[in-house]
Amino acid sequence: MARLGQTDILNIAANQIYKFKKIVIEAINKMSALGYYAEFDEKVKDKTTDKDIVVAFIEFAQGFECFKVDPSIKGDCGLNYDFYINGGGYYKNAQFLFGTASQFM
């Protein structure tokens, strides 16, 4: 799996990158609006560009660990799981963060 800062070349079109960026920015806005993660809000409070905010979000997601299950879930999967648990599960919260798999089929 690629990590932030690696120099691997992505073989995708520019418009796909902009669509992905839009999805990530929407997720960041949803997460910040609900105020579940004060440490993330603190990390991005001085960021002024979308690029800096997205990089801070990716770093936060990669370093996240959800301790609400045993064994804990690390990384962005743990962040999604924790976000859904905080919001009452995916039935109440499916529209938030990155949605459900059925939305992309």
Protein backbone atom coordinates (compact mmCIF):
# COMPACT_ATOMS: atom_id res chain seq x y z
CA MET A 1 0.00 0.00 0.00
CA ALA A 2 1.31 3.44 -0.89
CA ARG A 3 1.95 5.84 1.96
CA LEU A 4 1.86 9.62 1.96
CA GLY A 5 5.05 11.06 0.53
CA GLN A 6 6.02 8.14 -1.66
CA THR A 7 7.03 9.01 -5.19
CA ASP A 8 5.12 6.28 -7.01
CA ILE A 9 3.41 7.52 -10.17
CA LEU A 10 -0.36 7.25 -10.24
CA ASN A 11 -1.78 6.08 -13.55
CA ILE A 12 -5.06 8.01 -13.36
CA ALA A 13 -6.57 10.94 -15.21
CA ALA A 14 -6.49 14.45 -13.77
CA ASN A 15 -10.29 14.65 -13.58
CA GLN A 16 -10.29 11.53 -11.36
CA ILE A 17 -7.89 13.23 -8.98
CA TYR A 18 -10.15 16.29 -8.76
CA LYS A 19 -13.20 14.08 -8.12
CA PHE A 20 -11.32 12.26 -5.36
CA LYS A 21 -10.19 15.58 -3.87
CA LYS A 22 -13.82 16.76 -3.82
CA ILE A 23 -14.90 13.59 -1.98
CA VAL A 24 -12.11 14.01 0.57
CA ILE A 25 -12.89 17.70 1.14
CA GLU A 26 -16.57 16.83 1.69
CA ALA A 27 -15.56 14.13 4.18
CA ILE A 28 -13.32 16.58 6.03
CA ASN A 29 -16.13 19.14 6.22
CA LYS A 30 -18.58 16.53 7.54
CA MET A 31 -16.11 15.28 10.11
CA SER A 32 -15.25 18.79 11.29
CA ALA A 33 -18.89 19.88 11.43
CA LEU A 34 -19.74 17.05 13.81
CA GLY A 35 -16.76 17.77 16.08
CA TYR A 36 -15.90 14.13 16.90
CA TYR A 37 -12.15 14.62 16.57
CA ALA A 38 -10.80 17.68 18.38
CA GLU A 39 -7.24 16.54 17.64
CA PHE A 40 -7.96 16.72 13.89
CA ASP A 41 -9.60 20.14 14.20
CA GLU A 42 -6.52 21.34 16.09
CA LYS A 43 -4.25 19.92 13.37
CA VAL A 44 -5.99 21.78 10.53
CA LYS A 45 -6.92 25.06 12.22
CA ASP A 46 -3.95 26.94 10.72
CA LYS A 47 -4.16 25.32 7.27
CA THR A 48 -5.28 27.70 4.54
CA THR A 49 -5.16 25.70 1.33
CA ASP A 50 -7.14 22.63 0.31
CA LYS A 51 -3.87 20.82 -0.34
CA ASP A 52 -2.61 21.38 3.21
CA ILE A 53 -5.97 20.35 4.67
CA VAL A 54 -6.12 17.16 2.58
CA VAL A 55 -2.54 16.23 3.52
CA ALA A 56 -3.34 16.80 7.22
CA PHE A 57 -6.47 14.64 6.87
CA ILE A 58 -4.56 11.79 5.18
CA GLU A 59 -1.88 11.91 7.87
CA PHE A 60 -4.56 11.91 10.59
CA ALA A 61 -6.41 8.99 8.95
CA GLN A 62 -3.25 6.92 8.48
CA GLY A 63 -2.25 7.40 12.11
CA PHE A 64 -5.72 6.82 13.57
CA GLU A 65 -6.49 3.82 15.79
CA CYS A 66 -10.01 2.81 16.83
CA PHE A 67 -9.95 1.28 20.31
CA LYS A 68 -13.72 0.68 20.43
CA VAL A 69 -13.22 -2.89 19.21
CA ASP A 70 -10.82 -5.61 20.25
CA PRO A 71 -8.41 -5.91 18.54
CA SER A 72 -8.23 -2.25 17.60
CA ILE A 73 -8.46 -1.16 13.95
CA LYS A 74 -5.66 1.07 12.69
CA GLY A 75 -5.52 3.58 9.87
CA ASP A 76 -8.27 4.92 7.66
CA CYS A 77 -10.43 1.81 8.17
CA GLY A 78 -10.38 2.48 11.90
CA LEU A 79 -11.33 6.12 11.31
CA ASN A 80 -14.35 5.14 9.17
CA TYR A 81 -15.48 2.54 11.73
CA ASP A 82 -15.06 4.96 14.64
CA PHE A 83 -16.89 7.72 12.75
CA TYR A 84 -19.86 5.44 12.09
CA ILE A 85 -19.98 4.27 15.72
CA ASN A 86 -19.92 7.89 16.97
CA GLY A 87 -22.80 8.79 14.67
CA GLY A 88 -25.03 5.86 15.58
CA GLY A 89 -23.92 3.30 13.02
CA TYR A 90 -24.08 3.20 9.26
CA TYR A 91 -27.90 3.13 9.05
CA LYS A 92 -28.10 6.60 10.60
CA ASN A 93 -24.79 7.77 9.24
CA ALA A 94 -24.46 6.26 5.74
CA GLN A 95 -24.53 9.66 4.07
CA PHE A 96 -21.46 10.80 5.99
CA LEU A 97 -17.78 10.36 5.35
CA PHE A 98 -17.25 8.07 2.34
CA GLY A 99 -20.69 6.48 2.20
CA THR A 100 -21.50 2.83 1.76
CA ALA A 101 -20.23 0.36 -0.81
CA SER A 102 -23.64 0.14 -2.49
CA GLN A 103 -23.39 3.82 -3.46
CA PHE A 104 -20.48 3.06 -5.76
CA MET A 105 -21.91 0.07 -7.65
